């Protein structure tokens, strides 16, 4: 599998793609969620609702955000892979985090939901024909490829897991 080149996504997403130096994004996608779920098991439930400055979301809100973004990126990938040329809208991640009311849920439920969504996307991406990986569409006002979306999913997770590691080390 080829890595996405910078013309396959907007500059904003370059930071996430850069966090995935591996060539085989499917193997990384399969392994990365296990690390994240294990990380979540390392922190006590009572700390998962606490805001630690300078962060503006609780651990539970971060996991809810990861799951929401995974769903949105996966939906974008599906639509573009299937040849849907409809421009896809952006979303306000802060509004989603607030509306998700993630702090009321047990951390174990949020981790299980994230795992289920990731497993679904592993199956989706593994099922794509080779031609689908290079297809491009418009999402959030910029051009993006299916291949870039797979790397963005993993890089976005790595970005937030790194922040969670720092936060949970304080606990």
Protein backbone atom coordinates (compact mmCIF):
# COMPACT_ATOMS: atom_id res chain seq x y z
CA UNK A 1 0.00 0.00 0.00
CA UNK A 2 1.26 3.45 -0.87
CA UNK A 3 1.24 6.19 1.75
CA UNK A 4 -0.98 9.15 0.88
CA UNK A 5 0.86 12.05 -0.61
CA UNK A 6 0.09 15.63 0.50
CA UNK A 7 -2.22 16.19 -2.48
CA UNK A 8 -4.59 13.55 -1.05
CA UNK A 9 -5.65 15.64 1.96
CA UNK A 10 -5.70 19.21 3.22
CA UNK A 11 -2.70 20.56 5.13
CA UNK A 12 -4.65 20.31 8.41
CA UNK A 13 -4.66 16.51 8.23
CA UNK A 14 -0.94 16.29 7.48
CA UNK A 15 -0.16 16.20 11.21
CA UNK A 16 -2.19 13.00 11.60
CA UNK A 17 -0.79 11.31 8.48
CA UNK A 18 2.74 12.13 9.73
CA UNK A 19 2.05 10.15 12.92
CA UNK A 20 1.74 6.96 10.84
CA UNK A 21 5.13 6.28 9.24
CA UNK A 22 4.28 2.63 8.62
CA UNK A 23 3.40 1.50 5.10
CA UNK A 24 0.77 -1.07 6.08
CA UNK A 25 -1.99 1.08 7.53
CA UNK A 26 -4.32 -1.93 7.83
CA UNK A 27 -1.92 -3.73 10.17
CA UNK A 28 -1.47 -0.58 12.23
CA UNK A 29 -5.22 0.01 12.34
CA UNK A 30 -5.69 -3.52 13.67
CA UNK A 31 -3.05 -3.15 16.38
CA UNK A 32 -3.41 0.46 17.49
CA UNK A 33 -6.85 0.24 19.08
CA UNK A 34 -5.60 -2.53 21.40
CA UNK A 35 -2.98 -0.14 22.78
CA UNK A 36 -5.57 2.58 23.27
CA UNK A 37 -8.06 0.27 25.00
CA UNK A 38 -5.28 -1.03 27.28
CA UNK A 39 -4.35 2.56 28.10
CA UNK A 40 -7.93 3.26 29.15
CA UNK A 41 -7.86 0.34 31.54
CA UNK A 42 -4.83 1.90 33.26
CA UNK A 43 -6.72 4.89 34.63
CA UNK A 44 -9.22 4.84 37.51
CA UNK A 45 -12.87 5.44 36.63
CA UNK A 46 -13.17 8.38 39.04
CA UNK A 47 -10.38 10.22 37.21
CA UNK A 48 -11.99 9.77 33.80
CA UNK A 49 -14.37 12.74 34.35
CA UNK A 50 -11.72 15.13 35.69
CA UNK A 51 -10.43 18.03 33.60
CA UNK A 52 -6.68 18.53 33.96
CA UNK A 53 -5.46 21.92 32.78
CA UNK A 54 -4.60 22.79 30.06
CA UNK A 55 -6.97 20.20 28.57
CA UNK A 56 -10.60 21.08 27.97
CA UNK A 57 -12.04 17.56 27.75
CA UNK A 58 -12.20 14.73 30.25
CA UNK A 59 -10.72 11.33 29.40
CA UNK A 60 -14.26 10.10 28.67
CA UNK A 61 -14.88 13.03 26.34
CA UNK A 62 -11.63 12.27 24.50
CA UNK A 63 -12.72 8.67 23.94
CA UNK A 64 -16.16 9.82 22.81
CA UNK A 65 -14.44 12.27 20.44
CA UNK A 66 -12.22 9.51 19.04
CA UNK A 67 -15.27 7.34 18.40
CA UNK A 68 -17.26 10.17 16.81
CA UNK A 69 -14.35 11.10 14.53
CA UNK A 70 -13.71 7.49 13.62
CA UNK A 71 -17.34 7.19 12.54
CA UNK A 72 -17.24 10.39 10.51
CA UNK A 73 -13.91 9.58 8.83
CA UNK A 74 -15.11 6.04 8.15
CA UNK A 75 -18.36 7.28 6.62
CA UNK A 76 -16.41 9.67 4.43
CA UNK A 77 -14.15 6.81 3.32
CA UNK A 78 -17.12 4.57 2.54
CA UNK A 79 -18.92 7.20 0.51
CA UNK A 80 -15.83 8.21 -1.45
CA UNK A 81 -14.78 4.58 -1.99
CA UNK A 82 -18.20 3.84 -3.44
CA UNK A 83 -17.92 6.74 -5.89
CA UNK A 84 -20.32 9.13 -4.13
CA UNK A 85 -19.36 12.58 -5.45
CA UNK A 86 -21.54 14.49 -2.97
CA UNK A 87 -19.46 17.05 -1.05
CA UNK A 88 -19.45 15.96 2.59
CA UNK A 89 -19.84 18.51 5.39
CA UNK A 90 -17.46 19.23 8.22
CA UNK A 91 -18.51 19.05 11.87
CA UNK A 92 -17.89 20.93 15.10
CA UNK A 93 -15.96 18.55 17.34
CA UNK A 94 -16.62 20.65 20.44
CA UNK A 95 -20.38 20.65 19.87
CA UNK A 96 -20.26 16.87 19.34
CA UNK A 97 -18.29 16.37 22.57
CA UNK A 98 -20.79 18.46 24.53
CA UNK A 99 -23.84 16.78 22.99
CA UNK A 100 -22.38 13.29 23.51
CA UNK A 101 -22.66 13.64 27.30
CA UNK A 102 -19.84 11.08 27.57
CA UNK A 103 -19.11 11.70 31.25
CA UNK A 104 -22.34 9.96 32.29
CA UNK A 105 -21.16 6.66 30.82
CA UNK A 106 -18.75 4.12 32.28
CA UNK A 107 -15.29 4.25 30.77
CA UNK A 108 -15.53 0.55 29.95
CA UNK A 109 -18.61 1.21 27.77
CA UNK A 110 -16.86 4.00 25.89
CA UNK A 111 -13.81 1.78 25.32
CA UNK A 112 -16.01 -1.08 24.08
CA UNK A 113 -17.84 1.25 21.69
CA UNK A 114 -14.55 2.59 20.32
CA UNK A 115 -13.34 -0.98 19.82
CA UNK A 116 -16.54 -1.96 17.96
CA UNK A 117 -16.33 1.04 15.64
CA UNK A 118 -12.64 0.34 14.94
CA UNK A 119 -13.29 -3.32 14.18
CA UNK A 120 -16.01 -2.24 11.76
CA UNK A 121 -13.59 0.06 9.97
CA UNK A 122 -10.90 -2.60 9.82
CA UNK A 123 -13.37 -4.79 7.95
CA UNK A 124 -14.46 -1.93 5.70
CA UNK A 125 -10.94 -0.95 4.68
CA UNK A 126 -9.83 -4.57 4.21
CA UNK A 127 -12.78 -5.14 1.88
CA UNK A 128 -12.03 -2.24 -0.44
CA UNK A 129 -10.86 -3.01 -3.96
CA UNK A 130 -7.48 -1.55 -4.87
CA UNK A 131 -9.03 1.11 -7.11
CA UNK A 132 -11.06 2.53 -4.21
CA UNK A 133 -8.00 3.51 -2.16
CA UNK A 134 -7.01 6.31 -4.53
CA UNK A 135 -10.49 7.72 -5.03
CA UNK A 136 -10.92 11.31 -3.92
CA UNK A 137 -13.88 13.32 -2.78
CA UNK A 138 -14.65 16.56 -1.03
CA UNK A 139 -15.05 16.57 2.75
CA UNK A 140 -15.16 19.63 5.00
CA UNK A 141 -14.37 21.82 2.00
CA UNK A 142 -11.19 20.03 0.92
CA UNK A 143 -10.19 17.17 -1.31
CA UNK A 144 -9.36 13.90 0.43
CA UNK A 145 -8.64 10.32 -0.63
CA UNK A 146 -9.82 7.08 0.89
CA UNK A 147 -6.17 6.16 1.53
CA UNK A 148 -5.61 9.43 3.42
CA UNK A 149 -8.70 8.80 5.54
CA UNK A 150 -7.31 5.42 6.68
CA UNK A 151 -4.06 7.10 7.76
CA UNK A 152 -5.94 9.99 9.37
CA UNK A 153 -8.02 7.59 11.46
CA UNK A 154 -4.88 5.98 12.89
CA UNK A 155 -2.94 9.23 13.24
CA UNK A 156 -5.84 10.95 14.98
CA UNK A 157 -6.01 8.09 17.46
CA UNK A 158 -2.24 8.24 18.06
CA UNK A 159 -2.45 11.99 18.62
CA UNK A 160 -5.10 11.68 21.32
CA UNK A 161 -3.61 8.53 22.87
CA UNK A 162 -0.36 10.46 23.35
CA UNK A 163 -2.23 13.17 25.22
CA UNK A 164 -4.04 10.56 27.31
CA UNK A 165 -0.73 8.90 28.25
CA UNK A 166 0.54 12.23 29.59
CA UNK A 167 -2.66 12.84 31.52
CA UNK A 168 -2.93 9.36 32.97
CA UNK A 169 0.72 9.45 34.07
CA UNK A 170 -0.32 12.18 36.51
CA UNK A 171 -2.96 9.99 38.14
